[in-house]
Amino acid sequence: MANIKSAKKRILVNQKKAARNKSIKSSTKTAVKKVLAAVEAGDKAQASEACRLAVKAIDQAASKGIFHKNNASRKKSQLTKLING
């Protein structure tokens, strides 16, 4: 454990940010899994609705810096291709 007050604060702040990032990344992964499940089931309407929500989650994660913008764009493109294909 750190002895300097500023180092202690950095540890606490980093833990808080890591927890926030993990939560957002996890919810994004869950949204993507829902799209994949709907595609597997063959339900195009449900898949497109789930894709809309997943794209929104990916965009929010990218805006918060959890995903790089190119990574987010690639994820959205893959989901869209999967539904349309």
PDB file of N, CA and C in Angstrom:
ATOM      1  N   MET A   1       0.847  -1.188   0.000  1.00  0.00           N
ATOM      2  CA  MET A   1       0.000   0.000   0.000  1.00  0.00           C
ATOM      3  C   MET A   1       0.882   1.237   0.000  1.00  0.00           C
ATOM      4  N   ALA A   2       0.415   2.264  -0.685  1.00  0.00           N
ATOM      5  CA  ALA A   2       1.167   3.507  -0.802  1.00  0.00           C
ATOM      6  C   ALA A   2       1.166   4.269   0.515  1.00  0.00           C
ATOM      7  N   ASN A   3       2.211   5.054   0.726  1.00  0.00           N
ATOM      8  CA  ASN A   3       2.319   5.884   1.930  1.00  0.00           C
ATOM      9  C   ASN A   3       1.941   7.332   1.653  1.00  0.00           C
ATOM     10  N   ILE A   4       2.137   7.779   0.435  1.00  0.00           N
ATOM     11  CA  ILE A   4       1.888   9.176   0.086  1.00  0.00           C
ATOM     12  C   ILE A   4       0.401   9.365  -0.193  1.00  0.00           C
ATOM     13  N   LYS A   5      -0.127  10.495   0.321  1.00  0.00           N
ATOM     14  CA  LYS A   5      -1.553  10.753   0.233  1.00  0.00           C
ATOM     15  C   LYS A   5      -2.056  10.772  -1.217  1.00  0.00           C
ATOM     16  N   SER A   6      -1.307  11.399  -2.113  1.00  0.00           N
ATOM     17  CA  SER A   6      -1.743  11.483  -3.509  1.00  0.00           C
ATOM     18  C   SER A   6      -1.730  10.110  -4.179  1.00  0.00           C
ATOM     19  N   ALA A   7      -0.775   9.257  -3.778  1.00  0.00           N
ATOM     20  CA  ALA A   7      -0.710   7.907  -4.338  1.00  0.00           C
ATOM     21  C   ALA A   7      -1.895   7.073  -3.853  1.00  0.00           C
ATOM     22  N   LYS A   8      -2.275   7.265  -2.598  1.00  0.00           N
ATOM     23  CA  LYS A   8      -3.451   6.563  -2.060  1.00  0.00           C
ATOM     24  C   LYS A   8      -4.701   6.982  -2.830  1.00  0.00           C
ATOM     25  N   LYS A   9      -4.799   8.288  -3.099  1.00  0.00           N
ATOM     26  CA  LYS A   9      -5.952   8.784  -3.839  1.00  0.00           C
ATOM     27  C   LYS A   9      -5.980   8.199  -5.248  1.00  0.00           C
ATOM     28  N   ARG A  10      -4.835   8.141  -5.916  1.00  0.00           N
ATOM     29  CA  ARG A  10      -4.772   7.586  -7.264  1.00  0.00           C
ATOM     30  C   ARG A  10      -5.250   6.138  -7.278  1.00  0.00           C
ATOM     31  N   ILE A  11      -4.862   5.375  -6.259  1.00  0.00           N
ATOM     32  CA  ILE A  11      -5.290   3.973  -6.174  1.00  0.00           C
ATOM     33  C   ILE A  11      -6.815   3.898  -6.085  1.00  0.00           C
ATOM     34  N   LEU A  12      -7.407   4.723  -5.227  1.00  0.00           N
ATOM     35  CA  LEU A  12      -8.861   4.714  -5.067  1.00  0.00           C
ATOM     36  C   LEU A  12      -9.571   5.146  -6.354  1.00  0.00           C
ATOM     37  N   VAL A  13      -9.062   6.200  -6.985  1.00  0.00           N
ATOM     38  CA  VAL A  13      -9.686   6.703  -8.208  1.00  0.00           C
ATOM     39  C   VAL A  13      -9.581   5.656  -9.318  1.00  0.00           C
ATOM     40  N   ASN A  14      -8.411   5.010  -9.430  1.00  0.00           N
ATOM     41  CA  ASN A  14      -8.232   3.991 -10.464  1.00  0.00           C
ATOM     42  C   ASN A  14      -9.158   2.803 -10.253  1.00  0.00           C
ATOM     43  N   GLN A  15      -9.362   2.412  -8.994  1.00  0.00           N
ATOM     44  CA  GLN A  15     -10.286   1.308  -8.704  1.00  0.00           C
ATOM     45  C   GLN A  15     -11.709   1.680  -9.111  1.00  0.00           C
ATOM     46  N   LYS A  16     -12.100   2.910  -8.828  1.00  0.00           N
ATOM     47  CA  LYS A  16     -13.450   3.365  -9.168  1.00  0.00           C
ATOM     48  C   LYS A  16     -13.643   3.386 -10.681  1.00  0.00           C
ATOM     49  N   LYS A  17     -12.643   3.907 -11.402  1.00  0.00           N
ATOM     50  CA  LYS A  17     -12.736   3.970 -12.862  1.00  0.00           C
ATOM     51  C   LYS A  17     -12.730   2.580 -13.480  1.00  0.00           C
ATOM     52  N   ALA A  18     -11.917   1.672 -12.920  1.00  0.00           N
ATOM     53  CA  ALA A  18     -11.851   0.306 -13.441  1.00  0.00           C
ATOM     54  C   ALA A  18     -13.204  -0.391 -13.262  1.00  0.00           C
ATOM     55  N   ALA A  19     -13.850  -0.166 -12.118  1.00  0.00           N
ATOM     56  CA  ALA A  19     -15.162  -0.775 -11.863  1.00  0.00           C
ATOM     57  C   ALA A  19     -16.200  -0.238 -12.852  1.00  0.00           C
ATOM     58  N   ARG A  20     -16.148   1.065 -13.112  1.00  0.00           N
ATOM     59  CA  ARG A  20     -17.084   1.674 -14.049  1.00  0.00           C
ATOM     60  C   ARG A  20     -16.860   1.125 -15.454  1.00  0.00           C
ATOM     61  N   ASN A  21     -15.606   1.045 -15.871  1.00  0.00           N
ATOM     62  CA  ASN A  21     -15.283   0.528 -17.205  1.00  0.00           C
ATOM     63  C   ASN A  21     -15.728  -0.923 -17.350  1.00  0.00           C
ATOM     64  N   LYS A  22     -15.492  -1.715 -16.301  1.00  0.00           N
ATOM     65  CA  LYS A  22     -15.858  -3.134 -16.341  1.00  0.00           C
ATOM     66  C   LYS A  22     -17.369  -3.293 -16.467  1.00  0.00           C
ATOM     67  N   SER A  23     -18.121  -2.479 -15.748  1.00  0.00           N
ATOM     68  CA  SER A  23     -19.573  -2.543 -15.793  1.00  0.00           C
ATOM     69  C   SER A  23     -20.096  -2.207 -17.184  1.00  0.00           C
ATOM     70  N   ILE A  24     -19.569  -1.143 -17.782  1.00  0.00           N
ATOM     71  CA  ILE A  24     -20.028  -0.719 -19.103  1.00  0.00           C
ATOM     72  C   ILE A  24     -19.645  -1.753 -20.157  1.00  0.00           C
ATOM     73  N   LYS A  25     -18.427  -2.278 -20.058  1.00  0.00           N
ATOM     74  CA  LYS A  25     -17.966  -3.280 -21.028  1.00  0.00           C
ATOM     75  C   LYS A  25     -18.812  -4.550 -20.919  1.00  0.00           C
ATOM     76  N   SER A  26     -19.162  -4.932 -19.694  1.00  0.00           N
ATOM     77  CA  SER A  26     -19.966  -6.134 -19.470  1.00  0.00           C
ATOM     78  C   SER A  26     -21.373  -5.967 -20.044  1.00  0.00           C
ATOM     79  N   SER A  27     -21.987  -4.815 -19.810  1.00  0.00           N
ATOM     80  CA  SER A  27     -23.342  -4.600 -20.325  1.00  0.00           C
ATOM     81  C   SER A  27     -23.344  -4.542 -21.859  1.00  0.00           C
ATOM     82  N   THR A  28     -22.264  -4.026 -22.429  1.00  0.00           N
ATOM     83  CA  THR A  28     -22.146  -3.997 -23.886  1.00  0.00           C
ATOM     84  C   THR A  28     -22.037  -5.406 -24.441  1.00  0.00           C
ATOM     85  N   LYS A  29     -21.227  -6.240 -23.793  1.00  0.00           N
ATOM     86  CA  LYS A  29     -21.086  -7.635 -24.226  1.00  0.00           C
ATOM     87  C   LYS A  29     -22.419  -8.370 -24.140  1.00  0.00           C
ATOM     88  N   THR A  30     -23.193  -8.092 -23.086  1.00  0.00           N
ATOM     89  CA  THR A  30     -24.501  -8.722 -22.920  1.00  0.00           C
ATOM     90  C   THR A  30     -25.434  -8.314 -24.062  1.00  0.00           C
ATOM     91  N   ALA A  31     -25.390  -7.041 -24.441  1.00  0.00           N
ATOM     92  CA  ALA A  31     -26.242  -6.561 -25.536  1.00  0.00           C
ATOM     93  C   ALA A  31     -25.863  -7.252 -26.844  1.00  0.00           C
ATOM     94  N   VAL A  32     -24.574  -7.449 -27.067  1.00  0.00           N
ATOM     95  CA  VAL A  32     -24.114  -8.123 -28.291  1.00  0.00           C
ATOM     96  C   VAL A  32     -24.556  -9.585 -28.271  1.00  0.00           C
ATOM     97  N   LYS A  33     -24.479 -10.231 -27.106  1.00  0.00           N
ATOM     98  CA  LYS A  33     -24.905 -11.629 -26.997  1.00  0.00           C
ATOM     99  C   LYS A  33     -26.392 -11.779 -27.295  1.00  0.00           C
ATOM    100  N   LYS A  34     -27.196 -10.788 -26.924  1.00  0.00           N
ATOM    101  CA  LYS A  34     -28.629 -10.842 -27.213  1.00  0.00           C
ATOM    102  C   LYS A  34     -28.873 -10.797 -28.719  1.00  0.00           C
ATOM    103  N   VAL A  35     -28.060 -10.007 -29.427  1.00  0.00           N
ATOM    104  CA  VAL A  35     -28.180  -9.956 -30.884  1.00  0.00           C
ATOM    105  C   VAL A  35     -27.834 -11.315 -31.476  1.00  0.00           C
ATOM    106  N   LEU A  36     -26.734 -11.894 -31.024  1.00  0.00           N
ATOM    107  CA  LEU A  36     -26.311 -13.197 -31.538  1.00  0.00           C
ATOM    108  C   LEU A  36     -27.361 -14.272 -31.269  1.00  0.00           C
ATOM    109  N   ALA A  37     -27.965 -14.219 -30.086  1.00  0.00           N
ATOM    110  CA  ALA A  37     -28.994 -15.202 -29.742  1.00  0.00           C
ATOM    111  C   ALA A  37     -30.215 -15.044 -30.642  1.00  0.00           C
ATOM    112  N   ALA A  38     -30.605 -13.809 -30.924  1.00  0.00           N
ATOM    113  CA  ALA A  38     -31.764 -13.569 -31.779  1.00  0.00           C
ATOM    114  C   ALA A  38     -31.486 -14.024 -33.215  1.00  0.00           C
ATOM    115  N   VAL A  39     -30.253 -13.821 -33.682  1.00  0.00           N
ATOM    116  CA  VAL A  39     -29.890 -14.274 -35.032  1.00  0.00           C
ATOM    117  C   VAL A  39     -29.905 -15.796 -35.099  1.00  0.00           C
ATOM    118  N   GLU A  40     -29.381 -16.444 -34.062  1.00  0.00           N
ATOM    119  CA  GLU A  40     -29.383 -17.919 -34.001  1.00  0.00           C
ATOM    120  C   GLU A  40     -30.807 -18.460 -34.024  1.00  0.00           C
ATOM    121  N   ALA A  41     -31.716 -17.752 -33.333  1.00  0.00           N
ATOM    122  CA  ALA A  41     -33.111 -18.188 -33.282  1.00  0.00           C
ATOM    123  C   ALA A  41     -33.831 -17.914 -34.596  1.00  0.00           C
ATOM    124  N   GLY A  42     -33.264 -17.047 -35.434  1.00  0.00           N
ATOM    125  CA  GLY A  42     -33.879 -16.745 -36.718  1.00  0.00           C
ATOM    126  C   GLY A  42     -34.942 -15.671 -36.648  1.00  0.00           C
ATOM    127  N   ASP A  43     -34.995 -14.938 -35.555  1.00  0.00           N
ATOM    128  CA  ASP A  43     -35.994 -13.883 -35.381  1.00  0.00           C
ATOM    129  C   ASP A  43     -35.391 -12.547 -35.825  1.00  0.00           C
ATOM    130  N   LYS A  44     -35.680 -12.165 -37.069  1.00  0.00           N
ATOM    131  CA  LYS A  44     -35.048 -10.964 -37.636  1.00  0.00           C
ATOM    132  C   LYS A  44     -35.522  -9.682 -36.951  1.00  0.00           C
ATOM    133  N   ALA A  45     -36.796  -9.612 -36.606  1.00  0.00           N
ATOM    134  CA  ALA A  45     -37.324  -8.407 -35.964  1.00  0.00           C
ATOM    135  C   ALA A  45     -36.670  -8.188 -34.596  1.00  0.00           C
ATOM    136  N   GLN A  46     -36.605  -9.263 -33.836  1.00  0.00           N
ATOM    137  CA  GLN A  46     -35.989  -9.154 -32.510  1.00  0.00           C
ATOM    138  C   GLN A  46     -34.484  -8.879 -32.636  1.00  0.00           C
ATOM    139  N   ALA A  47     -33.864  -9.453 -33.639  1.00  0.00           N
ATOM    140  CA  ALA A  47     -32.431  -9.238 -33.850  1.00  0.00           C
ATOM    141  C   ALA A  47     -32.139  -7.788 -34.196  1.00  0.00           C
ATOM    142  N   SER A  48     -32.973  -7.190 -35.050  1.00  0.00           N
ATOM    143  CA  SER A  48     -32.737  -5.797 -35.431  1.00  0.00           C
ATOM    144  C   SER A  48     -32.964  -4.856 -34.260  1.00  0.00           C
ATOM    145  N   GLU A  49     -33.945  -5.158 -33.428  1.00  0.00           N
ATOM    146  CA  GLU A  49     -34.188  -4.336 -32.229  1.00  0.00           C
ATOM    147  C   GLU A  49     -33.032  -4.489 -31.248  1.00  0.00           C
ATOM    148  N   ALA A  50     -32.558  -5.711 -31.053  1.00  0.00           N
ATOM    149  CA  ALA A  50     -31.427  -5.945 -30.165  1.00  0.00           C
ATOM    150  C   ALA A  50     -30.170  -5.286 -30.722  1.00  0.00           C
ATOM    151  N   CYS A  51     -30.035  -5.280 -32.037  1.00  0.00           N
ATOM    152  CA  CYS A  51     -28.879  -4.639 -32.673  1.00  0.00           C
ATOM    153  C   CYS A  51     -28.904  -3.138 -32.426  1.00  0.00           C
ATOM    154  N   ARG A  52     -30.084  -2.553 -32.510  1.00  0.00           N
ATOM    155  CA  ARG A  52     -30.211  -1.116 -32.249  1.00  0.00           C
ATOM    156  C   ARG A  52     -29.739  -0.777 -30.842  1.00  0.00           C
ATOM    157  N   LEU A  53     -30.148  -1.586 -29.869  1.00  0.00           N
ATOM    158  CA  LEU A  53     -29.734  -1.363 -28.481  1.00  0.00           C
ATOM    159  C   LEU A  53     -28.240  -1.625 -28.296  1.00  0.00           C
ATOM    160  N   ALA A  54     -27.728  -2.638 -28.985  1.00  0.00           N
ATOM    161  CA  ALA A  54     -26.301  -2.961 -28.875  1.00  0.00           C
ATOM    162  C   ALA A  54     -25.450  -1.851 -29.475  1.00  0.00           C
ATOM    163  N   VAL A  55     -25.879  -1.312 -30.613  1.00  0.00           N
ATOM    164  CA  VAL A  55     -25.143  -0.218 -31.240  1.00  0.00           C
ATOM    165  C   VAL A  55     -25.124   1.004 -30.327  1.00  0.00           C
ATOM    166  N   LYS A  56     -26.246   1.254 -29.682  1.00  0.00           N
ATOM    167  CA  LYS A  56     -26.316   2.373 -28.735  1.00  0.00           C
ATOM    168  C   LYS A  56     -25.334   2.163 -27.580  1.00  0.00           C
ATOM    169  N   ALA A  57     -25.287   0.949 -27.050  1.00  0.00           N
ATOM    170  CA  ALA A  57     -24.374   0.642 -25.950  1.00  0.00           C
ATOM    171  C   ALA A  57     -22.917   0.765 -26.390  1.00  0.00           C
ATOM    172  N   ILE A  58     -22.624   0.301 -27.604  1.00  0.00           N
ATOM    173  CA  ILE A  58     -21.257   0.387 -28.129  1.00  0.00           C
ATOM    174  C   ILE A  58     -20.855   1.849 -28.313  1.00  0.00           C
ATOM    175  N   ASP A  59     -21.767   2.655 -28.845  1.00  0.00           N
ATOM    176  CA  ASP A  59     -21.472   4.078 -29.043  1.00  0.00           C
ATOM    177  C   ASP A  59     -21.220   4.785 -27.710  1.00  0.00           C
ATOM    178  N   GLN A  60     -22.020   4.454 -26.704  1.00  0.00           N
ATOM    179  CA  GLN A  60     -21.827   5.071 -25.394  1.00  0.00           C
ATOM    180  C   GLN A  60     -20.484   4.666 -24.803  1.00  0.00           C
ATOM    181  N   ALA A  61     -20.113   3.402 -24.958  1.00  0.00           N
ATOM    182  CA  ALA A  61     -18.828   2.937 -24.450  1.00  0.00           C
ATOM    183  C   ALA A  61     -17.680   3.628 -25.186  1.00  0.00           C
ATOM    184  N   ALA A  62     -17.832   3.824 -26.478  1.00  0.00           N
ATOM    185  CA  ALA A  62     -16.786   4.486 -27.262  1.00  0.00           C
ATOM    186  C   ALA A  62     -16.661   5.948 -26.845  1.00  0.00           C
ATOM    187  N   SER A  63     -17.778   6.587 -26.559  1.00  0.00           N
ATOM    188  CA  SER A  63     -17.727   7.995 -26.162  1.00  0.00           C
ATOM    189  C   SER A  63     -17.069   8.174 -24.799  1.00  0.00           C
ATOM    190  N   LYS A  64     -17.141   7.147 -23.956  1.00  0.00           N
ATOM    191  CA  LYS A  64     -16.512   7.202 -22.642  1.00  0.00           C
ATOM    192  C   LYS A  64     -15.060   6.724 -22.669  1.00  0.00           C
ATOM    193  N   GLY A  65     -14.601   6.299 -23.850  1.00  0.00           N
ATOM    194  CA  GLY A  65     -13.205   5.901 -23.987  1.00  0.00           C
ATOM    195  C   GLY A  65     -12.934   4.456 -23.618  1.00  0.00           C
ATOM    196  N   ILE A  66     -13.974   3.654 -23.490  1.00  0.00           N
ATOM    197  CA  ILE A  66     -13.788   2.248 -23.121  1.00  0.00           C
ATOM    198  C   ILE A  66     -13.398   1.432 -24.346  1.00  0.00           C
ATOM    199  N   PHE A  67     -13.986   1.789 -25.502  1.00  0.00           N
ATOM    200  CA  PHE A  67     -13.576   1.206 -26.774  1.00  0.00           C
ATOM    201  C   PHE A  67     -12.999   2.319 -27.633  1.00  0.00           C
ATOM    202  N   HIS A  68     -11.980   1.989 -28.421  1.00  0.00           N
ATOM    203  CA  HIS A  68     -11.474   2.928 -29.417  1.00  0.00           C
ATOM    204  C   HIS A  68     -12.548   3.098 -30.488  1.00  0.00           C
ATOM    205  N   LYS A  69     -12.613   4.274 -31.109  1.00  0.00           N
ATOM    206  CA  LYS A  69     -13.692   4.538 -32.068  1.00  0.00           C
ATOM    207  C   LYS A  69     -13.673   3.569 -33.238  1.00  0.00           C
ATOM    208  N   ASN A  70     -12.483   3.146 -33.677  1.00  0.00           N
ATOM    209  CA  ASN A  70     -12.408   2.192 -34.783  1.00  0.00           C
ATOM    210  C   ASN A  70     -12.884   0.808 -34.340  1.00  0.00           C
ATOM    211  N   ASN A  71     -12.564   0.451 -33.110  1.00  0.00           N
ATOM    212  CA  ASN A  71     -13.014  -0.827 -32.547  1.00  0.00           C
ATOM    213  C   ASN A  71     -14.541  -0.828 -32.462  1.00  0.00           C
ATOM    214  N   ALA A  72     -15.114   0.267 -31.991  1.00  0.00           N
ATOM    215  CA  ALA A  72     -16.574   0.367 -31.884  1.00  0.00           C
ATOM    216  C   ALA A  72     -17.217   0.290 -33.266  1.00  0.00           C
ATOM    217  N   SER A  73     -16.612   0.962 -34.231  1.00  0.00           N
ATOM    218  CA  SER A  73     -17.138   0.944 -35.592  1.00  0.00           C
ATOM    219  C   SER A  73     -17.103  -0.466 -36.165  1.00  0.00           C
ATOM    220  N   ARG A  74     -16.021  -1.176 -35.904  1.00  0.00           N
ATOM    221  CA  ARG A  74     -15.895  -2.552 -36.396  1.00  0.00           C
ATOM    222  C   ARG A  74     -16.953  -3.454 -35.770  1.00  0.00           C
ATOM    223  N   LYS A  75     -17.179  -3.305 -34.470  1.00  0.00           N
ATOM    224  CA  LYS A  75     -18.195  -4.121 -33.784  1.00  0.00           C
ATOM    225  C   LYS A  75     -19.586  -3.867 -34.372  1.00  0.00           C
ATOM    226  N   LYS A  76     -19.911  -2.599 -34.592  1.00  0.00           N
ATOM    227  CA  LYS A  76     -21.222  -2.255 -35.143  1.00  0.00           C
ATOM    228  C   LYS A  76     -21.378  -2.816 -36.555  1.00  0.00           C
ATOM    229  N   SER A  77     -20.317  -2.718 -37.350  1.00  0.00           N
ATOM    230  CA  SER A  77     -20.356  -3.228 -38.720  1.00  0.00           C
ATOM    231  C   SER A  77     -20.580  -4.736 -38.736  1.00  0.00           C
ATOM    232  N   GLN A  78     -19.889  -5.449 -37.866  1.00  0.00           N
ATOM    233  CA  GLN A  78     -20.033  -6.904 -37.809  1.00  0.00           C
ATOM    234  C   GLN A  78     -21.456  -7.304 -37.421  1.00  0.00           C
ATOM    235  N   LEU A  79     -22.034  -6.601 -36.454  1.00  0.00           N
ATOM    236  CA  LEU A  79     -23.414  -6.908 -36.048  1.00  0.00           C
ATOM    237  C   LEU A  79     -24.391  -6.665 -37.199  1.00  0.00           C
ATOM    238  N   THR A  80     -24.211  -5.542 -37.883  1.00  0.00           N
ATOM    239  CA  THR A  80     -25.104  -5.198 -38.991  1.00  0.00           C
ATOM    240  C   THR A  80     -24.987  -6.223 -40.115  1.00  0.00           C
ATOM    241  N   LYS A  81     -23.762  -6.618 -40.425  1.00  0.00           N
ATOM    242  CA  LYS A  81     -23.547  -7.633 -41.464  1.00  0.00           C
ATOM    243  C   LYS A  81     -24.223  -8.940 -41.085  1.00  0.00           C
ATOM    244  N   LEU A  82     -24.122  -9.298 -39.808  1.00  0.00           N
ATOM    245  CA  LEU A  82     -24.682 -10.556 -39.327  1.00  0.00           C
ATOM    246  C   LEU A  82     -26.190 -10.575 -39.507  1.00  0.00           C
ATOM    247  N   ILE A  83     -26.838  -9.454 -39.223  1.00  0.00           N
ATOM    248  CA  ILE A  83     -28.293  -9.378 -39.332  1.00  0.00           C
ATOM    249  C   ILE A  83     -28.731  -9.355 -40.785  1.00  0.00           C
ATOM    250  N   ASN A  84     -28.028  -8.565 -41.598  1.00  0.00           N
ATOM    251  CA  ASN A  84     -28.417  -8.430 -43.003  1.00  0.00           C
ATOM    252  C   ASN A  84     -28.008  -9.629 -43.853  1.00  0.00           C
ATOM    253  N   GLY A  85     -27.047 -10.384 -43.365  1.00  0.00           N
ATOM    254  CA  GLY A  85     -26.523 -11.490 -44.161  1.00  0.00           C
ATOM    255  C   GLY A  85     -27.335 -12.748 -44.093  1.00  0.00           C
TER     256      GLY A  85
END
